[in-house]
Amino acid sequence: LDLLVRRYNPDEVQFKLTPSYALYLALRDRVTSRLRSTLPELADTFAAALDDVVEFNSSRSAQLSVWLANSSELHCFLTRDRELSPQLVSARLHLAATTQRSFSHLVQGLYRDVH
């Protein structure tokens, strides 16, 4: 999680949505394993980590746009997954709030850059 979110540098990779895809695949893996009971806790941890990195990058428009895309993509995955969605309501709500907050920070930053 630390490598995928906190120490992730989007400038070093081609595919900027790597964190959201990797986190989603980790959650899907838990569905089929005997660790299924830890699914909500793991999803909440992922959502909190994304929220933390959005707040940390709140004044960096380029970084923030990557995290906006990742939080919205993971939220979309979890919402559309019929098997995961009912189990991960808390994580989905957290990701929705993170996506909205990252968009707000991005708009504020772009507004500051223009003026």
N, C-alpha and C. Protein backbone atom coordinates (compact mmCIF):
# COMPACT_ATOMS: atom_id res chain seq x y z
N LEU A 1 0.83 -1.19 0.00
CA LEU A 1 0.00 0.00 0.00
C LEU A 1 0.88 1.25 0.00
N ASP A 2 1.93 1.21 0.78
CA ASP A 2 2.83 2.36 0.84
C ASP A 2 3.43 2.65 -0.53
N LEU A 3 3.87 1.62 -1.21
CA LEU A 3 4.48 1.78 -2.53
C LEU A 3 3.46 2.21 -3.58
N LEU A 4 2.24 1.69 -3.49
CA LEU A 4 1.21 2.01 -4.49
C LEU A 4 0.59 3.38 -4.32
N VAL A 5 0.60 3.90 -3.11
CA VAL A 5 -0.09 5.17 -2.88
C VAL A 5 0.87 6.24 -2.37
N ARG A 6 1.46 6.01 -1.24
CA ARG A 6 2.23 7.07 -0.59
C ARG A 6 3.55 7.39 -1.29
N ARG A 7 4.21 6.37 -1.82
CA ARG A 7 5.49 6.61 -2.49
C ARG A 7 5.37 6.53 -4.01
N TYR A 8 4.16 6.49 -4.52
CA TYR A 8 3.92 6.40 -5.96
C TYR A 8 4.26 7.73 -6.62
N ASN A 9 5.05 7.66 -7.66
CA ASN A 9 5.43 8.86 -8.41
C ASN A 9 4.89 8.72 -9.84
N PRO A 10 3.83 9.44 -10.17
CA PRO A 10 3.24 9.30 -11.50
C PRO A 10 4.16 9.69 -12.64
N ASP A 11 5.20 10.45 -12.35
CA ASP A 11 6.14 10.84 -13.39
C ASP A 11 7.03 9.67 -13.84
N GLU A 12 7.07 8.61 -13.04
CA GLU A 12 7.95 7.48 -13.33
C GLU A 12 7.26 6.33 -14.06
N VAL A 13 5.96 6.45 -14.31
CA VAL A 13 5.23 5.35 -14.95
C VAL A 13 4.43 5.87 -16.14
N GLN A 14 4.17 4.98 -17.08
CA GLN A 14 3.37 5.33 -18.25
C GLN A 14 1.88 5.38 -17.91
N PHE A 15 1.41 4.37 -17.19
CA PHE A 15 -0.01 4.23 -16.91
C PHE A 15 -0.32 4.85 -15.55
N LYS A 16 -0.92 6.01 -15.55
CA LYS A 16 -1.15 6.79 -14.33
C LYS A 16 -2.20 6.18 -13.40
N LEU A 17 -3.03 5.27 -13.90
CA LEU A 17 -4.07 4.66 -13.07
C LEU A 17 -3.63 3.35 -12.43
N THR A 18 -2.34 3.10 -12.42
CA THR A 18 -1.81 1.88 -11.82
C THR A 18 -2.31 1.66 -10.40
N PRO A 19 -2.29 2.68 -9.52
CA PRO A 19 -2.75 2.43 -8.15
C PRO A 19 -4.20 1.94 -8.08
N SER A 20 -5.11 2.57 -8.80
CA SER A 20 -6.51 2.15 -8.70
C SER A 20 -6.72 0.75 -9.24
N TYR A 21 -6.06 0.40 -10.33
CA TYR A 21 -6.20 -0.95 -10.87
C TYR A 21 -5.60 -1.99 -9.92
N ALA A 22 -4.44 -1.71 -9.38
CA ALA A 22 -3.79 -2.65 -8.47
C ALA A 22 -4.60 -2.83 -7.19
N LEU A 23 -5.12 -1.74 -6.64
CA LEU A 23 -5.93 -1.84 -5.43
C LEU A 23 -7.22 -2.62 -5.69
N TYR A 24 -7.84 -2.37 -6.83
CA TYR A 24 -9.05 -3.11 -7.17
C TYR A 24 -8.76 -4.61 -7.33
N LEU A 25 -7.67 -4.93 -8.01
CA LEU A 25 -7.32 -6.34 -8.17
C LEU A 25 -7.02 -7.00 -6.83
N ALA A 26 -6.42 -6.28 -5.92
CA ALA A 26 -6.17 -6.83 -4.58
C ALA A 26 -7.49 -7.12 -3.87
N LEU A 27 -8.46 -6.24 -4.01
CA LEU A 27 -9.78 -6.47 -3.41
C LEU A 27 -10.49 -7.65 -4.06
N ARG A 28 -10.41 -7.75 -5.38
CA ARG A 28 -11.02 -8.88 -6.09
C ARG A 28 -10.39 -10.19 -5.65
N ASP A 29 -9.08 -10.17 -5.43
CA ASP A 29 -8.39 -11.37 -4.96
C ASP A 29 -8.91 -11.82 -3.60
N ARG A 30 -9.19 -10.85 -2.74
CA ARG A 30 -9.71 -11.17 -1.41
C ARG A 30 -11.09 -11.84 -1.47
N VAL A 31 -11.88 -11.51 -2.48
CA VAL A 31 -13.21 -12.10 -2.63
C VAL A 31 -13.10 -13.61 -2.80
N THR A 32 -12.09 -14.05 -3.53
CA THR A 32 -11.95 -15.47 -3.82
C THR A 32 -11.07 -16.22 -2.83
N SER A 33 -10.53 -15.54 -1.85
CA SER A 33 -9.65 -16.21 -0.89
C SER A 33 -10.35 -16.38 0.45
N ARG A 34 -9.67 -17.05 1.34
CA ARG A 34 -10.23 -17.24 2.68
C ARG A 34 -10.12 -15.97 3.53
N LEU A 35 -9.55 -14.91 2.99
CA LEU A 35 -9.41 -13.63 3.68
C LEU A 35 -10.58 -12.70 3.39
N ARG A 36 -11.67 -13.25 2.88
CA ARG A 36 -12.83 -12.45 2.48
C ARG A 36 -13.36 -11.57 3.61
N SER A 37 -13.26 -12.03 4.84
CA SER A 37 -13.79 -11.26 5.97
C SER A 37 -13.04 -9.96 6.21
N THR A 38 -11.84 -9.86 5.69
CA THR A 38 -11.04 -8.64 5.87
C THR A 38 -11.29 -7.62 4.77
N LEU A 39 -12.18 -7.94 3.85
CA LEU A 39 -12.44 -7.08 2.69
C LEU A 39 -12.85 -5.66 3.05
N PRO A 40 -13.86 -5.44 3.90
CA PRO A 40 -14.25 -4.06 4.23
C PRO A 40 -13.12 -3.26 4.89
N GLU A 41 -12.40 -3.90 5.78
CA GLU A 41 -11.29 -3.22 6.46
C GLU A 41 -10.20 -2.83 5.46
N LEU A 42 -9.88 -3.72 4.55
CA LEU A 42 -8.86 -3.43 3.54
C LEU A 42 -9.31 -2.30 2.62
N ALA A 43 -10.55 -2.34 2.19
CA ALA A 43 -11.07 -1.28 1.31
C ALA A 43 -11.07 0.07 2.02
N ASP A 44 -11.45 0.08 3.29
CA ASP A 44 -11.42 1.33 4.06
C ASP A 44 -9.99 1.86 4.20
N THR A 45 -9.03 0.96 4.37
CA THR A 45 -7.63 1.35 4.45
C THR A 45 -7.16 1.97 3.14
N PHE A 46 -7.56 1.36 2.02
CA PHE A 46 -7.20 1.91 0.71
C PHE A 46 -7.81 3.31 0.54
N ALA A 47 -9.08 3.45 0.89
CA ALA A 47 -9.76 4.74 0.74
C ALA A 47 -9.09 5.81 1.60
N ALA A 48 -8.73 5.46 2.81
CA ALA A 48 -8.07 6.42 3.71
C ALA A 48 -6.69 6.82 3.16
N ALA A 49 -5.97 5.86 2.60
CA ALA A 49 -4.65 6.16 2.03
C ALA A 49 -4.79 7.12 0.84
N LEU A 50 -5.78 6.91 -0.01
CA LEU A 50 -6.00 7.82 -1.13
C LEU A 50 -6.39 9.20 -0.63
N ASP A 51 -7.21 9.25 0.40
CA ASP A 51 -7.60 10.53 0.98
C ASP A 51 -6.38 11.27 1.53
N ASP A 52 -5.51 10.55 2.21
CA ASP A 52 -4.29 11.15 2.76
C ASP A 52 -3.41 11.74 1.66
N VAL A 53 -3.24 11.01 0.58
CA VAL A 53 -2.37 11.49 -0.49
C VAL A 53 -2.99 12.67 -1.23
N VAL A 54 -4.30 12.72 -1.32
CA VAL A 54 -4.98 13.88 -1.92
C VAL A 54 -4.75 15.11 -1.06
N GLU A 55 -4.90 14.97 0.24
CA GLU A 55 -4.65 16.11 1.14
C GLU A 55 -3.20 16.55 1.09
N PHE A 56 -2.29 15.60 1.03
CA PHE A 56 -0.86 15.93 0.98
C PHE A 56 -0.53 16.71 -0.30
N ASN A 57 -1.19 16.37 -1.40
CA ASN A 57 -0.93 17.01 -2.69
C ASN A 57 -1.93 18.10 -3.03
N SER A 58 -2.63 18.63 -2.04
CA SER A 58 -3.74 19.56 -2.29
C SER A 58 -3.32 20.84 -3.00
N SER A 59 -2.06 21.18 -2.98
CA SER A 59 -1.62 22.41 -3.65
C SER A 59 -0.79 22.12 -4.91
N ARG A 60 -0.72 20.87 -5.31
CA ARG A 60 0.05 20.47 -6.50
C ARG A 60 -0.90 19.98 -7.58
N SER A 61 -1.23 20.83 -8.51
CA SER A 61 -2.25 20.52 -9.51
C SER A 61 -1.94 19.27 -10.33
N ALA A 62 -0.70 19.13 -10.77
CA ALA A 62 -0.34 17.97 -11.61
C ALA A 62 -0.52 16.66 -10.84
N GLN A 63 -0.02 16.62 -9.60
CA GLN A 63 -0.17 15.42 -8.78
C GLN A 63 -1.64 15.19 -8.44
N LEU A 64 -2.32 16.25 -8.13
CA LEU A 64 -3.72 16.16 -7.72
C LEU A 64 -4.59 15.58 -8.84
N SER A 65 -4.31 15.95 -10.07
CA SER A 65 -5.11 15.42 -11.18
C SER A 65 -4.97 13.90 -11.30
N VAL A 66 -3.78 13.40 -11.02
CA VAL A 66 -3.56 11.94 -11.05
C VAL A 66 -4.36 11.27 -9.95
N TRP A 67 -4.36 11.86 -8.75
CA TRP A 67 -5.08 11.25 -7.63
C TRP A 67 -6.59 11.41 -7.76
N LEU A 68 -7.02 12.47 -8.42
CA LEU A 68 -8.44 12.62 -8.74
C LEU A 68 -8.87 11.47 -9.65
N ALA A 69 -8.08 11.21 -10.66
CA ALA A 69 -8.40 10.13 -11.59
C ALA A 69 -8.39 8.76 -10.90
N ASN A 70 -7.41 8.54 -10.04
CA ASN A 70 -7.32 7.26 -9.34
C ASN A 70 -8.45 7.05 -8.34
N SER A 71 -8.79 8.08 -7.58
CA SER A 71 -9.87 7.91 -6.60
C SER A 71 -11.21 7.71 -7.30
N SER A 72 -11.44 8.44 -8.39
CA SER A 72 -12.72 8.27 -9.10
C SER A 72 -12.78 6.92 -9.81
N GLU A 73 -11.66 6.46 -10.34
CA GLU A 73 -11.64 5.15 -11.01
C GLU A 73 -11.89 4.01 -10.01
N LEU A 74 -11.24 4.06 -8.86
CA LEU A 74 -11.47 3.02 -7.86
C LEU A 74 -12.91 3.07 -7.36
N HIS A 75 -13.43 4.26 -7.16
CA HIS A 75 -14.84 4.40 -6.75
C HIS A 75 -15.76 3.78 -7.80
N CYS A 76 -15.48 4.02 -9.05
CA CYS A 76 -16.28 3.46 -10.14
C CYS A 76 -16.19 1.93 -10.14
N PHE A 77 -15.00 1.39 -9.99
CA PHE A 77 -14.83 -0.07 -9.93
C PHE A 77 -15.69 -0.67 -8.81
N LEU A 78 -15.57 -0.08 -7.63
CA LEU A 78 -16.27 -0.64 -6.47
C LEU A 78 -17.78 -0.47 -6.58
N THR A 79 -18.23 0.58 -7.20
CA THR A 79 -19.67 0.82 -7.36
C THR A 79 -20.27 -0.14 -8.39
N ARG A 80 -19.54 -0.42 -9.44
CA ARG A 80 -20.07 -1.27 -10.51
C ARG A 80 -19.89 -2.76 -10.26
N ASP A 81 -19.06 -3.12 -9.33
CA ASP A 81 -18.81 -4.53 -9.04
C ASP A 81 -19.97 -5.07 -8.18
N ARG A 82 -20.79 -5.90 -8.75
CA ARG A 82 -21.99 -6.39 -8.06
C ARG A 82 -21.67 -7.19 -6.81
N GLU A 83 -20.53 -7.84 -6.81
CA GLU A 83 -20.16 -8.65 -5.65
C GLU A 83 -19.55 -7.82 -4.53
N LEU A 84 -18.75 -6.84 -4.90
CA LEU A 84 -18.07 -6.02 -3.90
C LEU A 84 -18.92 -4.86 -3.37
N SER A 85 -19.69 -4.25 -4.24
CA SER A 85 -20.40 -3.02 -3.91
C SER A 85 -21.20 -3.08 -2.60
N PRO A 86 -22.01 -4.10 -2.38
CA PRO A 86 -22.80 -4.11 -1.13
C PRO A 86 -21.94 -4.25 0.14
N GLN A 87 -20.77 -4.84 0.01
CA GLN A 87 -19.90 -5.06 1.17
C GLN A 87 -19.03 -3.86 1.52
N LEU A 88 -18.90 -2.94 0.56
CA LEU A 88 -17.91 -1.87 0.72
C LEU A 88 -18.54 -0.48 0.68
N VAL A 89 -19.69 -0.33 1.30
CA VAL A 89 -20.40 0.95 1.29
C VAL A 89 -19.54 2.05 1.92
N SER A 90 -18.93 1.77 3.03
CA SER A 90 -18.12 2.77 3.72
C SER A 90 -16.96 3.25 2.85
N ALA A 91 -16.26 2.32 2.23
CA ALA A 91 -15.13 2.68 1.36
C ALA A 91 -15.61 3.47 0.15
N ARG A 92 -16.76 3.09 -0.42
CA ARG A 92 -17.29 3.81 -1.57
C ARG A 92 -17.65 5.25 -1.20
N LEU A 93 -18.25 5.43 -0.04
CA LEU A 93 -18.58 6.79 0.41
C LEU A 93 -17.32 7.62 0.65
N HIS A 94 -16.33 6.98 1.25
CA HIS A 94 -15.05 7.67 1.51
C HIS A 94 -14.39 8.07 0.19
N LEU A 95 -14.41 7.16 -0.79
CA LEU A 95 -13.81 7.47 -2.09
C LEU A 95 -14.57 8.57 -2.82
N ALA A 96 -15.89 8.57 -2.69
CA ALA A 96 -16.69 9.64 -3.32
C ALA A 96 -16.32 10.99 -2.72
N ALA A 97 -16.19 11.03 -1.41
CA ALA A 97 -15.80 12.29 -0.74
C ALA A 97 -14.38 12.70 -1.14
N THR A 98 -13.49 11.74 -1.24
CA THR A 98 -12.11 12.03 -1.65
C THR A 98 -12.07 12.57 -3.06
N THR A 99 -12.86 11.99 -3.95
CA THR A 99 -12.92 12.46 -5.33
C THR A 99 -13.44 13.89 -5.39
N GLN A 100 -14.48 14.17 -4.64
CA GLN A 100 -15.03 15.53 -4.61
C GLN A 100 -14.02 16.52 -4.03
N ARG A 101 -13.34 16.11 -2.96
CA ARG A 101 -12.36 17.00 -2.34
C ARG A 101 -11.18 17.25 -3.28
N SER A 102 -10.73 16.21 -3.97
CA SER A 102 -9.60 16.40 -4.89
C SER A 102 -9.99 17.31 -6.05
N PHE A 103 -11.22 17.18 -6.53
CA PHE A 103 -11.69 18.08 -7.59
C PHE A 103 -11.74 19.52 -7.09
N SER A 104 -12.23 19.71 -5.88
CA SER A 104 -12.29 21.04 -5.29
C SER A 104 -10.90 21.65 -5.15
N HIS A 105 -9.94 20.87 -4.64
CA HIS A 105 -8.56 21.34 -4.51
C HIS A 105 -7.98 21.70 -5.88
N LEU A 106 -8.28 20.87 -6.88
CA LEU A 106 -7.76 21.11 -8.22
C LEU A 106 -8.32 22.40 -8.80
N VAL A 107 -9.61 22.62 -8.65
CA VAL A 107 -10.23 23.85 -9.15
C VAL A 107 -9.64 25.07 -8.44
N GLN A 108 -9.47 24.99 -7.13
CA GLN A 108 -8.89 26.10 -6.37
C GLN A 108 -7.47 26.39 -6.84
N GLY A 109 -6.70 25.32 -7.08
CA GLY A 109 -5.32 25.50 -7.54
C GLY A 109 -5.24 26.12 -8.92
N LEU A 110 -6.11 25.67 -9.81
CA LEU A 110 -6.13 26.24 -11.15
C LEU A 110 -6.60 27.69 -11.13
N TYR A 111 -7.54 27.98 -10.25
CA TYR A 111 -8.01 29.36 -10.10
C TYR A 111 -6.87 30.26 -9.61
N ARG A 112 -6.09 29.78 -8.64
CA ARG A 112 -4.94 30.54 -8.14
C ARG A 112 -3.91 30.75 -9.24
N ASP A 113 -3.69 29.72 -10.06
CA ASP A 113 -2.71 29.83 -11.15
C ASP A 113 -3.12 30.86 -12.18
N VAL A 114 -4.41 31.00 -12.42
CA VAL A 114 -4.92 31.94 -13.43
C VAL A 114 -4.84 33.37 -12.90
N HIS A 115 -5.05 33.54 -11.62
CA HIS A 115 -5.07 34.90 -11.05
C HIS A 115 -3.79 35.23 -10.39
